[in-house]
């Protein structure tokens, strides 16, 4: 049973990261825009074995900040 709990925790942690493609879809923007957000420091890129990922929480926070500007 302990293995199941650890697996669930690990699986949950992995779900908290999005691919660049997923982030593009959520923001309805281009890949270039995502990379510009990395360069500006608005969001951070995490390098994992499977490639670059974006924190889902960080992306949600960014989206909330953008709503406040409108």
Protein backbone atom coordinates (compact mmCIF):
# COMPACT_ATOMS: atom_id res chain seq x y z
CA UNK A 1 0.00 0.00 0.00
CA UNK A 2 2.81 2.45 0.68
CA UNK A 3 3.89 2.06 -2.93
CA UNK A 4 0.42 3.11 -4.12
CA UNK A 5 0.55 6.27 -2.02
CA UNK A 6 3.99 7.16 -3.33
CA UNK A 7 2.86 6.53 -6.89
CA UNK A 8 -0.17 8.76 -6.45
CA UNK A 9 1.97 11.54 -4.99
CA UNK A 10 4.46 11.26 -7.84
CA UNK A 11 1.68 11.15 -10.44
CA UNK A 12 0.05 14.20 -8.86
CA UNK A 13 3.36 16.08 -8.95
CA UNK A 14 3.87 15.26 -12.62
CA UNK A 15 0.41 16.58 -13.46
CA UNK A 16 1.38 19.96 -12.06
CA UNK A 17 3.66 20.60 -15.04
CA UNK A 18 2.50 21.41 -18.55
CA UNK A 19 4.22 21.03 -21.87
CA UNK A 20 4.85 24.14 -23.93
CA UNK A 21 2.13 22.97 -26.31
CA UNK A 22 -0.38 22.68 -23.45
CA UNK A 23 0.55 26.16 -22.21
CA UNK A 24 0.13 27.55 -25.75
CA UNK A 25 -3.36 26.11 -25.91
CA UNK A 26 -4.32 27.50 -22.50
CA UNK A 27 -3.07 30.97 -23.41
CA UNK A 28 -4.14 30.80 -27.08
CA UNK A 29 -0.75 32.08 -28.14
CA UNK A 30 2.22 31.13 -30.27
CA UNK A 31 5.33 29.24 -29.24
CA UNK A 32 7.29 32.47 -29.72
CA UNK A 33 5.07 34.21 -27.18
CA UNK A 34 5.72 31.45 -24.63
CA UNK A 35 9.47 31.81 -25.13
CA UNK A 36 9.17 35.60 -24.81
CA UNK A 37 7.44 35.05 -21.46
CA UNK A 38 10.40 32.89 -20.39
CA UNK A 39 12.88 35.59 -21.44
CA UNK A 40 10.95 38.33 -19.66
CA UNK A 41 10.73 36.29 -16.45
CA UNK A 42 6.91 36.29 -16.45
CA UNK A 43 6.97 32.48 -16.26
CA UNK A 44 9.79 29.99 -15.75
CA UNK A 45 10.81 26.99 -17.82
CA UNK A 46 11.76 23.76 -16.07
CA UNK A 47 13.99 21.30 -17.90
CA UNK A 48 12.96 17.72 -17.24
CA UNK A 49 14.11 14.54 -18.94
CA UNK A 50 11.04 14.62 -21.15
CA UNK A 51 11.75 18.21 -22.21
CA UNK A 52 10.75 21.66 -21.05
CA UNK A 53 7.78 22.05 -18.75
CA UNK A 54 5.88 24.94 -17.19
CA UNK A 55 4.41 24.91 -13.71
CA UNK A 56 0.61 24.77 -14.00
CA UNK A 57 0.31 26.90 -10.86
CA UNK A 58 2.71 29.51 -12.23
CA UNK A 59 0.81 29.65 -15.52
CA UNK A 60 -2.48 30.05 -13.64
CA UNK A 61 -0.95 32.88 -11.59
CA UNK A 62 0.20 34.57 -14.80
CA UNK A 63 -3.29 34.29 -16.26
CA UNK A 64 -4.78 35.84 -13.09
CA UNK A 65 -2.31 38.76 -13.27
CA UNK A 66 -3.31 39.35 -16.88
CA UNK A 67 -7.02 39.41 -15.95
CA UNK A 68 -6.33 42.12 -13.38
CA UNK A 69 -4.76 44.31 -16.05
CA UNK A 70 -7.94 44.34 -18.14
